[in-house]
Amino acid sequence: MKIATIISFILVLVGALVWLLVGIFDFNLVAFIFGPGALVSRIIYSLVGISALWMIFYWAMYRPFRQID
């Protein structure tokens, strides 16, 4: 479970950086590397989305940022 969380965290960070590039420079790095609408691009986007769902699940179950008294 720890490995899945680490991989998910990395993928969510990569996804956030891609969206940063899209927002600031209107440049889609994934589409640039693999081509727009390519199957690999869709797989990468899906993995990032699944990773985000995993991070939400992880936060809901373990609350890693709660204050310990």
C-alpha atoms as a PDB file:
ATOM      1  CA  MET A   1       0.000   0.000   0.000  1.00  0.00           C
ATOM      2  CA  LYS A   2       2.895   2.338   0.695  1.00  0.00           C
ATOM      3  CA  ILE A   3       4.304   1.790  -2.815  1.00  0.00           C
ATOM      4  CA  ALA A   4       0.912   2.532  -4.391  1.00  0.00           C
ATOM      5  CA  THR A   5       0.693   5.768  -2.404  1.00  0.00           C
ATOM      6  CA  ILE A   6       4.185   6.873  -3.430  1.00  0.00           C
ATOM      7  CA  ILE A   7       3.518   6.106  -7.109  1.00  0.00           C
ATOM      8  CA  SER A   8       0.170   7.896  -6.902  1.00  0.00           C
ATOM      9  CA  PHE A   9       1.768  10.928  -5.296  1.00  0.00           C
ATOM     10  CA  ILE A  10       4.397  11.115  -8.053  1.00  0.00           C
ATOM     11  CA  LEU A  11       1.782  10.756 -10.802  1.00  0.00           C
ATOM     12  CA  VAL A  12      -0.405  13.444  -9.243  1.00  0.00           C
ATOM     13  CA  LEU A  13       2.607  15.771  -9.094  1.00  0.00           C
ATOM     14  CA  VAL A  14       3.410  15.065 -12.750  1.00  0.00           C
ATOM     15  CA  GLY A  15      -0.216  15.761 -13.653  1.00  0.00           C
ATOM     16  CA  ALA A  16      -0.142  19.013 -11.717  1.00  0.00           C
ATOM     17  CA  LEU A  17       3.010  20.103 -13.548  1.00  0.00           C
ATOM     18  CA  VAL A  18       1.416  19.281 -16.903  1.00  0.00           C
ATOM     19  CA  TRP A  19      -1.605  21.404 -15.984  1.00  0.00           C
ATOM     20  CA  LEU A  20       0.736  24.200 -14.877  1.00  0.00           C
ATOM     21  CA  LEU A  21       2.329  24.175 -18.325  1.00  0.00           C
ATOM     22  CA  VAL A  22      -1.099  24.155 -19.983  1.00  0.00           C
ATOM     23  CA  GLY A  23      -2.332  27.019 -17.816  1.00  0.00           C
ATOM     24  CA  ILE A  24       0.678  29.302 -18.108  1.00  0.00           C
ATOM     25  CA  PHE A  25       2.131  28.525 -21.531  1.00  0.00           C
ATOM     26  CA  ASP A  26      -0.761  26.724 -23.303  1.00  0.00           C
ATOM     27  CA  PHE A  27       1.660  23.831 -23.836  1.00  0.00           C
ATOM     28  CA  ASN A  28       0.555  20.219 -23.311  1.00  0.00           C
ATOM     29  CA  LEU A  29       3.698  18.206 -22.615  1.00  0.00           C
ATOM     30  CA  VAL A  30       1.992  14.804 -22.833  1.00  0.00           C
ATOM     31  CA  ALA A  31       0.428  15.606 -26.210  1.00  0.00           C
ATOM     32  CA  PHE A  32       3.764  17.006 -27.382  1.00  0.00           C
ATOM     33  CA  ILE A  33       5.634  13.817 -26.479  1.00  0.00           C
ATOM     34  CA  PHE A  34       3.082  11.175 -27.494  1.00  0.00           C
ATOM     35  CA  GLY A  35       0.831  13.049 -29.924  1.00  0.00           C
ATOM     36  CA  PRO A  36      -2.627  14.512 -29.355  1.00  0.00           C
ATOM     37  CA  GLY A  37      -5.285  11.873 -28.833  1.00  0.00           C
ATOM     38  CA  ALA A  38      -2.793   9.003 -28.861  1.00  0.00           C
ATOM     39  CA  LEU A  39      -3.605   5.887 -26.882  1.00  0.00           C
ATOM     40  CA  VAL A  40      -0.526   6.387 -24.688  1.00  0.00           C
ATOM     41  CA  SER A  41      -1.687   9.916 -23.841  1.00  0.00           C
ATOM     42  CA  ARG A  42      -5.096   8.612 -22.799  1.00  0.00           C
ATOM     43  CA  ILE A  43      -3.462   5.941 -20.641  1.00  0.00           C
ATOM     44  CA  ILE A  44      -1.262   8.534 -18.934  1.00  0.00           C
ATOM     45  CA  TYR A  45      -4.236  10.824 -18.279  1.00  0.00           C
ATOM     46  CA  SER A  46      -6.194   7.858 -16.900  1.00  0.00           C
ATOM     47  CA  LEU A  47      -3.336   6.847 -14.594  1.00  0.00           C
ATOM     48  CA  VAL A  48      -3.062  10.399 -13.271  1.00  0.00           C
ATOM     49  CA  GLY A  49      -6.818  10.487 -12.623  1.00  0.00           C
ATOM     50  CA  ILE A  50      -6.787   7.124 -10.868  1.00  0.00           C
ATOM     51  CA  SER A  51      -3.834   8.325  -8.803  1.00  0.00           C
ATOM     52  CA  ALA A  52      -5.796  11.396  -7.744  1.00  0.00           C
ATOM     53  CA  LEU A  53      -8.679   9.163  -6.657  1.00  0.00           C
ATOM     54  CA  TRP A  54      -6.223   7.004  -4.705  1.00  0.00           C
ATOM     55  CA  MET A  55      -4.826  10.088  -2.962  1.00  0.00           C
ATOM     56  CA  ILE A  56      -8.363  11.152  -1.982  1.00  0.00           C
ATOM     57  CA  PHE A  57      -8.993   7.650  -0.626  1.00  0.00           C
ATOM     58  CA  TYR A  58      -5.686   7.710   1.250  1.00  0.00           C
ATOM     59  CA  TRP A  59      -6.473  11.087   2.786  1.00  0.00           C
ATOM     60  CA  ALA A  60      -9.982  10.002   3.788  1.00  0.00           C
ATOM     61  CA  MET A  61      -8.799   6.768   5.394  1.00  0.00           C
ATOM     62  CA  TYR A  62      -5.589   7.846   7.131  1.00  0.00           C
ATOM     63  CA  ARG A  63      -5.819  11.636   7.492  1.00  0.00           C
ATOM     64  CA  PRO A  64      -2.041  12.172   7.221  1.00  0.00           C
ATOM     65  CA  PHE A  65      -2.274  15.894   8.059  1.00  0.00           C
ATOM     66  CA  ARG A  66      -4.358  15.724  11.219  1.00  0.00           C
ATOM     67  CA  GLN A  67      -2.921  17.245  14.328  1.00  0.00           C
ATOM     68  CA  ILE A  68      -1.905  14.782  17.017  1.00  0.00           C
ATOM     69  CA  ASP A  69      -2.542  15.959  20.583  1.00  0.00           C
END
